[in-house]
Amino acid sequence: MSGKVPERHREQILLRLFFEHGAAERAGDVDAVMATLCDDPYYELFPLNYRMQGLEAVREFYVRMLGASAPGSATFRITDTSGNLGDLDAPCDVIWIGTDSMVTRDDLCMTGADGRERQLRYLSIFTLKGMKLEGERIYMSAGAAEYILATLGEDFVHIPGVSIID
């Protein structure tokens, strides 16, 4: 028997990793997020046109997004979402899943400390490499892009492994 994982099992692995990854993000656990990723992950953020390549750049992205100084950690709370994230029996945010990639959607309504509601919409394409997530290509609404840009800070593009996509 070869070492190749059957296609239906790869879909299950991808879905399990997606939910583990999302649960770790919501918990603010950078180490648990990173544990779901392969050794050379990538992230691409559109319309910001940021590309992060490698463990160090991706880790810094998560430290800034999930850390204690991130706007979401102190001034935002999620009041509504489109689906049942983290519930393997109700993956309604999963639009499509294949053996090596999947497409997901997140519609978040967040209320800031100022009481203003913000709509943050994301469409993500996850890819699988071996038994880990390889990366994520994220397309987002203008509100989400504004939030992420403010959270990452102006110096983020100068971090090794971070570049602007032409």
C-alpha atoms as a PDB file:
ATOM      1  CA  MET A   1       0.000   0.000   0.000  1.00  0.00           C
ATOM      2  CA  SER A   2       1.341   3.452  -0.916  1.00  0.00           C
ATOM      3  CA  GLY A   3       1.701   6.334   1.539  1.00  0.00           C
ATOM      4  CA  LYS A   4      -0.801   8.460  -0.389  1.00  0.00           C
ATOM      5  CA  VAL A   5      -3.837   9.555   1.621  1.00  0.00           C
ATOM      6  CA  PRO A   6      -7.170   8.825  -0.145  1.00  0.00           C
ATOM      7  CA  GLU A   7      -8.931  11.941  -1.488  1.00  0.00           C
ATOM      8  CA  ARG A   8     -11.933  11.695   0.866  1.00  0.00           C
ATOM      9  CA  HIS A   9      -9.549  11.594   3.824  1.00  0.00           C
ATOM     10  CA  ARG A  10      -7.670  14.660   2.552  1.00  0.00           C
ATOM     11  CA  GLU A  11     -10.951  16.600   2.525  1.00  0.00           C
ATOM     12  CA  GLN A  12     -11.578  15.526   6.133  1.00  0.00           C
ATOM     13  CA  ILE A  13      -8.030  16.529   7.130  1.00  0.00           C
ATOM     14  CA  LEU A  14      -8.465  19.930   5.494  1.00  0.00           C
ATOM     15  CA  LEU A  15     -11.810  20.533   7.195  1.00  0.00           C
ATOM     16  CA  ARG A  16     -10.451  19.460  10.598  1.00  0.00           C
ATOM     17  CA  LEU A  17      -7.429  21.759  10.217  1.00  0.00           C
ATOM     18  CA  PHE A  18      -9.687  24.651   9.186  1.00  0.00           C
ATOM     19  CA  PHE A  19     -11.779  24.296  12.345  1.00  0.00           C
ATOM     20  CA  GLU A  20      -8.717  23.856  14.589  1.00  0.00           C
ATOM     21  CA  HIS A  21      -7.151  26.924  12.963  1.00  0.00           C
ATOM     22  CA  GLY A  22     -10.304  29.009  13.438  1.00  0.00           C
ATOM     23  CA  ALA A  23     -10.760  27.926  17.058  1.00  0.00           C
ATOM     24  CA  ALA A  24      -7.140  28.873  17.798  1.00  0.00           C
ATOM     25  CA  GLU A  25      -7.642  32.284  16.149  1.00  0.00           C
ATOM     26  CA  ARG A  26     -10.778  32.975  18.219  1.00  0.00           C
ATOM     27  CA  ALA A  27      -8.922  31.889  21.374  1.00  0.00           C
ATOM     28  CA  GLY A  28      -6.042  34.248  20.550  1.00  0.00           C
ATOM     29  CA  ASP A  29      -3.578  31.341  20.721  1.00  0.00           C
ATOM     30  CA  VAL A  30      -0.790  32.144  18.265  1.00  0.00           C
ATOM     31  CA  ASP A  31       1.103  28.894  18.987  1.00  0.00           C
ATOM     32  CA  ALA A  32      -1.997  26.784  18.301  1.00  0.00           C
ATOM     33  CA  VAL A  33      -2.638  28.697  15.049  1.00  0.00           C
ATOM     34  CA  MET A  34       0.943  28.120  13.940  1.00  0.00           C
ATOM     35  CA  ALA A  35       0.672  24.407  14.779  1.00  0.00           C
ATOM     36  CA  THR A  36      -1.930  24.043  12.011  1.00  0.00           C
ATOM     37  CA  LEU A  37       0.488  25.415   9.381  1.00  0.00           C
ATOM     38  CA  CYS A  38       3.214  23.742   7.304  1.00  0.00           C
ATOM     39  CA  ASP A  39       6.904  24.698   7.644  1.00  0.00           C
ATOM     40  CA  ASP A  40       6.774  27.338   4.880  1.00  0.00           C
ATOM     41  CA  PRO A  41       3.310  28.936   4.986  1.00  0.00           C
ATOM     42  CA  TYR A  42       2.106  31.889   2.958  1.00  0.00           C
ATOM     43  CA  TYR A  43      -0.714  34.394   3.360  1.00  0.00           C
ATOM     44  CA  GLU A  44      -1.990  36.898   0.809  1.00  0.00           C
ATOM     45  CA  LEU A  45      -4.350  39.740   1.726  1.00  0.00           C
ATOM     46  CA  PHE A  46      -6.437  41.495  -0.933  1.00  0.00           C
ATOM     47  CA  PRO A  47      -7.102  44.422  -1.532  1.00  0.00           C
ATOM     48  CA  LEU A  48      -4.110  45.276   0.690  1.00  0.00           C
ATOM     49  CA  ASN A  49      -1.859  43.279  -1.671  1.00  0.00           C
ATOM     50  CA  TYR A  50       0.273  42.029   1.221  1.00  0.00           C
ATOM     51  CA  ARG A  51       2.071  38.703   0.933  1.00  0.00           C
ATOM     52  CA  MET A  52       3.615  36.992   3.937  1.00  0.00           C
ATOM     53  CA  GLN A  53       5.951  34.081   3.278  1.00  0.00           C
ATOM     54  CA  GLY A  54       7.510  31.884   5.947  1.00  0.00           C
ATOM     55  CA  LEU A  55       6.933  31.084   9.597  1.00  0.00           C
ATOM     56  CA  GLU A  56       8.420  34.300  10.998  1.00  0.00           C
ATOM     57  CA  ALA A  57       6.324  36.663   8.856  1.00  0.00           C
ATOM     58  CA  VAL A  58       3.117  34.683   9.385  1.00  0.00           C
ATOM     59  CA  ARG A  59       3.751  34.466  13.143  1.00  0.00           C
ATOM     60  CA  GLU A  60       4.258  38.238  13.315  1.00  0.00           C
ATOM     61  CA  PHE A  61       0.970  38.693  11.436  1.00  0.00           C
ATOM     62  CA  TYR A  62      -0.820  36.609  14.074  1.00  0.00           C
ATOM     63  CA  VAL A  63       0.974  38.255  16.999  1.00  0.00           C
ATOM     64  CA  ARG A  64      -0.255  41.623  15.755  1.00  0.00           C
ATOM     65  CA  MET A  65      -3.764  40.444  14.877  1.00  0.00           C
ATOM     66  CA  LEU A  66      -4.378  38.381  18.017  1.00  0.00           C
ATOM     67  CA  GLY A  67      -2.103  40.087  20.544  1.00  0.00           C
ATOM     68  CA  ALA A  68      -3.174  42.135  23.542  1.00  0.00           C
ATOM     69  CA  SER A  69      -2.598  45.404  21.681  1.00  0.00           C
ATOM     70  CA  ALA A  70      -4.740  44.409  18.684  1.00  0.00           C
ATOM     71  CA  PRO A  71      -7.947  46.418  18.328  1.00  0.00           C
ATOM     72  CA  GLY A  72      -9.977  43.218  18.321  1.00  0.00           C
ATOM     73  CA  SER A  73      -8.621  42.107  21.676  1.00  0.00           C
ATOM     74  CA  ALA A  74      -9.861  45.099  23.653  1.00  0.00           C
ATOM     75  CA  THR A  75     -12.225  47.262  21.636  1.00  0.00           C
ATOM     76  CA  PHE A  76     -14.184  44.847  19.460  1.00  0.00           C
ATOM     77  CA  ARG A  77     -16.571  42.068  20.262  1.00  0.00           C
ATOM     78  CA  ILE A  78     -18.261  39.796  17.753  1.00  0.00           C
ATOM     79  CA  THR A  79     -22.016  40.179  17.915  1.00  0.00           C
ATOM     80  CA  ASP A  80     -23.038  38.051  14.943  1.00  0.00           C
ATOM     81  CA  THR A  81     -21.450  35.715  12.434  1.00  0.00           C
ATOM     82  CA  SER A  82     -22.723  34.014   9.316  1.00  0.00           C
ATOM     83  CA  GLY A  83     -22.109  30.512  10.520  1.00  0.00           C
ATOM     84  CA  ASN A  84     -21.196  28.055  13.199  1.00  0.00           C
ATOM     85  CA  LEU A  85     -17.431  28.337  13.208  1.00  0.00           C
ATOM     86  CA  GLY A  86     -15.810  25.543  15.118  1.00  0.00           C
ATOM     87  CA  ASP A  87     -18.825  23.251  14.846  1.00  0.00           C
ATOM     88  CA  LEU A  88     -17.801  20.317  12.675  1.00  0.00           C
ATOM     89  CA  ASP A  89     -21.450  19.309  12.290  1.00  0.00           C
ATOM     90  CA  ALA A  90     -22.446  22.670  10.787  1.00  0.00           C
ATOM     91  CA  PRO A  91     -19.698  23.944   8.487  1.00  0.00           C
ATOM     92  CA  CYS A  92     -21.943  26.562   6.859  1.00  0.00           C
ATOM     93  CA  ASP A  93     -19.044  28.940   6.250  1.00  0.00           C
ATOM     94  CA  VAL A  94     -17.415  26.374   3.961  1.00  0.00           C
ATOM     95  CA  ILE A  95     -18.456  27.208   0.401  1.00  0.00           C
ATOM     96  CA  TRP A  96     -16.426  24.550  -1.409  1.00  0.00           C
ATOM     97  CA  ILE A  97     -13.939  21.877  -0.426  1.00  0.00           C
ATOM     98  CA  GLY A  98     -11.599  19.826  -2.574  1.00  0.00           C
ATOM     99  CA  THR A  99      -8.686  17.555  -1.797  1.00  0.00           C
ATOM    100  CA  ASP A 100      -6.029  20.286  -1.660  1.00  0.00           C
ATOM    101  CA  SER A 101      -7.983  23.514  -1.140  1.00  0.00           C
ATOM    102  CA  MET A 102     -11.191  24.969   0.207  1.00  0.00           C
ATOM    103  CA  VAL A 103     -13.117  28.231   0.009  1.00  0.00           C
ATOM    104  CA  THR A 104     -14.710  29.759   3.104  1.00  0.00           C
ATOM    105  CA  ARG A 105     -16.753  32.843   3.888  1.00  0.00           C
ATOM    106  CA  ASP A 106     -16.935  34.897   7.069  1.00  0.00           C
ATOM    107  CA  ASP A 107     -19.391  37.739   7.610  1.00  0.00           C
ATOM    108  CA  LEU A 108     -18.726  39.371  10.966  1.00  0.00           C
ATOM    109  CA  CYS A 109     -20.602  42.181  12.601  1.00  0.00           C
ATOM    110  CA  MET A 110     -18.332  43.741  15.216  1.00  0.00           C
ATOM    111  CA  THR A 111     -19.189  46.507  17.649  1.00  0.00           C
ATOM    112  CA  GLY A 112     -16.348  48.847  18.551  1.00  0.00           C
ATOM    113  CA  ALA A 113     -15.731  50.560  21.864  1.00  0.00           C
ATOM    114  CA  ASP A 114     -17.358  53.627  20.297  1.00  0.00           C
ATOM    115  CA  GLY A 115     -20.581  51.636  19.843  1.00  0.00           C
ATOM    116  CA  ARG A 116     -20.317  51.728  16.050  1.00  0.00           C
ATOM    117  CA  GLU A 117     -21.033  48.483  14.213  1.00  0.00           C
ATOM    118  CA  ARG A 118     -18.612  47.392  11.526  1.00  0.00           C
ATOM    119  CA  GLN A 119     -19.232  44.798   8.845  1.00  0.00           C
ATOM    120  CA  LEU A 120     -16.151  42.696   8.137  1.00  0.00           C
ATOM    121  CA  ARG A 121     -16.485  40.302   5.226  1.00  0.00           C
ATOM    122  CA  TYR A 122     -13.867  37.776   4.144  1.00  0.00           C
ATOM    123  CA  LEU A 123     -13.627  35.153   1.416  1.00  0.00           C
ATOM    124  CA  SER A 124     -10.653  32.843   1.996  1.00  0.00           C
ATOM    125  CA  ILE A 125      -8.980  30.147  -0.056  1.00  0.00           C
ATOM    126  CA  PHE A 126      -7.055  27.691   2.114  1.00  0.00           C
ATOM    127  CA  THR A 127      -4.530  25.263   0.649  1.00  0.00           C
ATOM    128  CA  LEU A 128      -3.250  22.010   2.097  1.00  0.00           C
ATOM    129  CA  LYS A 129       0.364  20.821   1.969  1.00  0.00           C
ATOM    130  CA  GLY A 130       0.963  17.358   3.344  1.00  0.00           C
ATOM    131  CA  MET A 131      -0.992  17.143   6.587  1.00  0.00           C
ATOM    132  CA  LYS A 132      -0.948  20.897   7.398  1.00  0.00           C
ATOM    133  CA  LEU A 133      -2.424  24.109   6.044  1.00  0.00           C
ATOM    134  CA  GLU A 134      -0.062  25.632   3.504  1.00  0.00           C
ATOM    135  CA  GLY A 135      -1.604  29.041   3.339  1.00  0.00           C
ATOM    136  CA  GLU A 136      -4.520  31.338   2.912  1.00  0.00           C
ATOM    137  CA  ARG A 137      -5.459  33.827   0.223  1.00  0.00           C
ATOM    138  CA  ILE A 138      -7.906  36.297   1.764  1.00  0.00           C
ATOM    139  CA  TYR A 139     -10.212  38.656  -0.123  1.00  0.00           C
ATOM    140  CA  MET A 140     -11.904  41.183   2.148  1.00  0.00           C
ATOM    141  CA  SER A 141     -14.325  44.061   2.275  1.00  0.00           C
ATOM    142  CA  ALA A 142     -13.107  47.647   2.560  1.00  0.00           C
ATOM    143  CA  GLY A 143     -14.056  47.681   6.250  1.00  0.00           C
ATOM    144  CA  ALA A 144     -12.069  44.538   6.929  1.00  0.00           C
ATOM    145  CA  ALA A 145      -9.074  45.884   4.995  1.00  0.00           C
ATOM    146  CA  GLU A 146      -9.188  49.114   7.015  1.00  0.00           C
ATOM    147  CA  TYR A 147      -9.335  47.147  10.270  1.00  0.00           C
ATOM    148  CA  ILE A 148      -6.425  44.851   9.332  1.00  0.00           C
ATOM    149  CA  LEU A 149      -4.285  47.715   8.034  1.00  0.00           C
ATOM    150  CA  ALA A 150      -4.758  49.657  11.282  1.00  0.00           C
ATOM    151  CA  THR A 151      -4.044  46.555  13.371  1.00  0.00           C
ATOM    152  CA  LEU A 152      -0.859  45.550  11.526  1.00  0.00           C
ATOM    153  CA  GLY A 153       0.631  49.033  11.560  1.00  0.00           C
ATOM    154  CA  GLU A 154       2.612  50.966   8.970  1.00  0.00           C
ATOM    155  CA  ASP A 155       5.869  49.137   9.726  1.00  0.00           C
ATOM    156  CA  PHE A 156       4.448  45.683   8.908  1.00  0.00           C
ATOM    157  CA  VAL A 157       5.512  45.820   5.244  1.00  0.00           C
ATOM    158  CA  HIS A 158       9.149  46.199   6.343  1.00  0.00           C
ATOM    159  CA  ILE A 159       9.233  42.866   8.205  1.00  0.00           C
ATOM    160  CA  PRO A 160      11.351  40.147   6.504  1.00  0.00           C
ATOM    161  CA  GLY A 161       9.048  37.825   4.559  1.00  0.00           C
ATOM    162  CA  VAL A 162       6.396  40.510   4.015  1.00  0.00           C
ATOM    163  CA  SER A 163       6.061  42.063   0.558  1.00  0.00           C
ATOM    164  CA  ILE A 164       3.643  43.980  -1.617  1.00  0.00           C
ATOM    165  CA  ILE A 165       2.121  42.060  -4.523  1.00  0.00           C
ATOM    166  CA  ASP A 166       2.406  44.053  -7.756  1.00  0.00           C
END
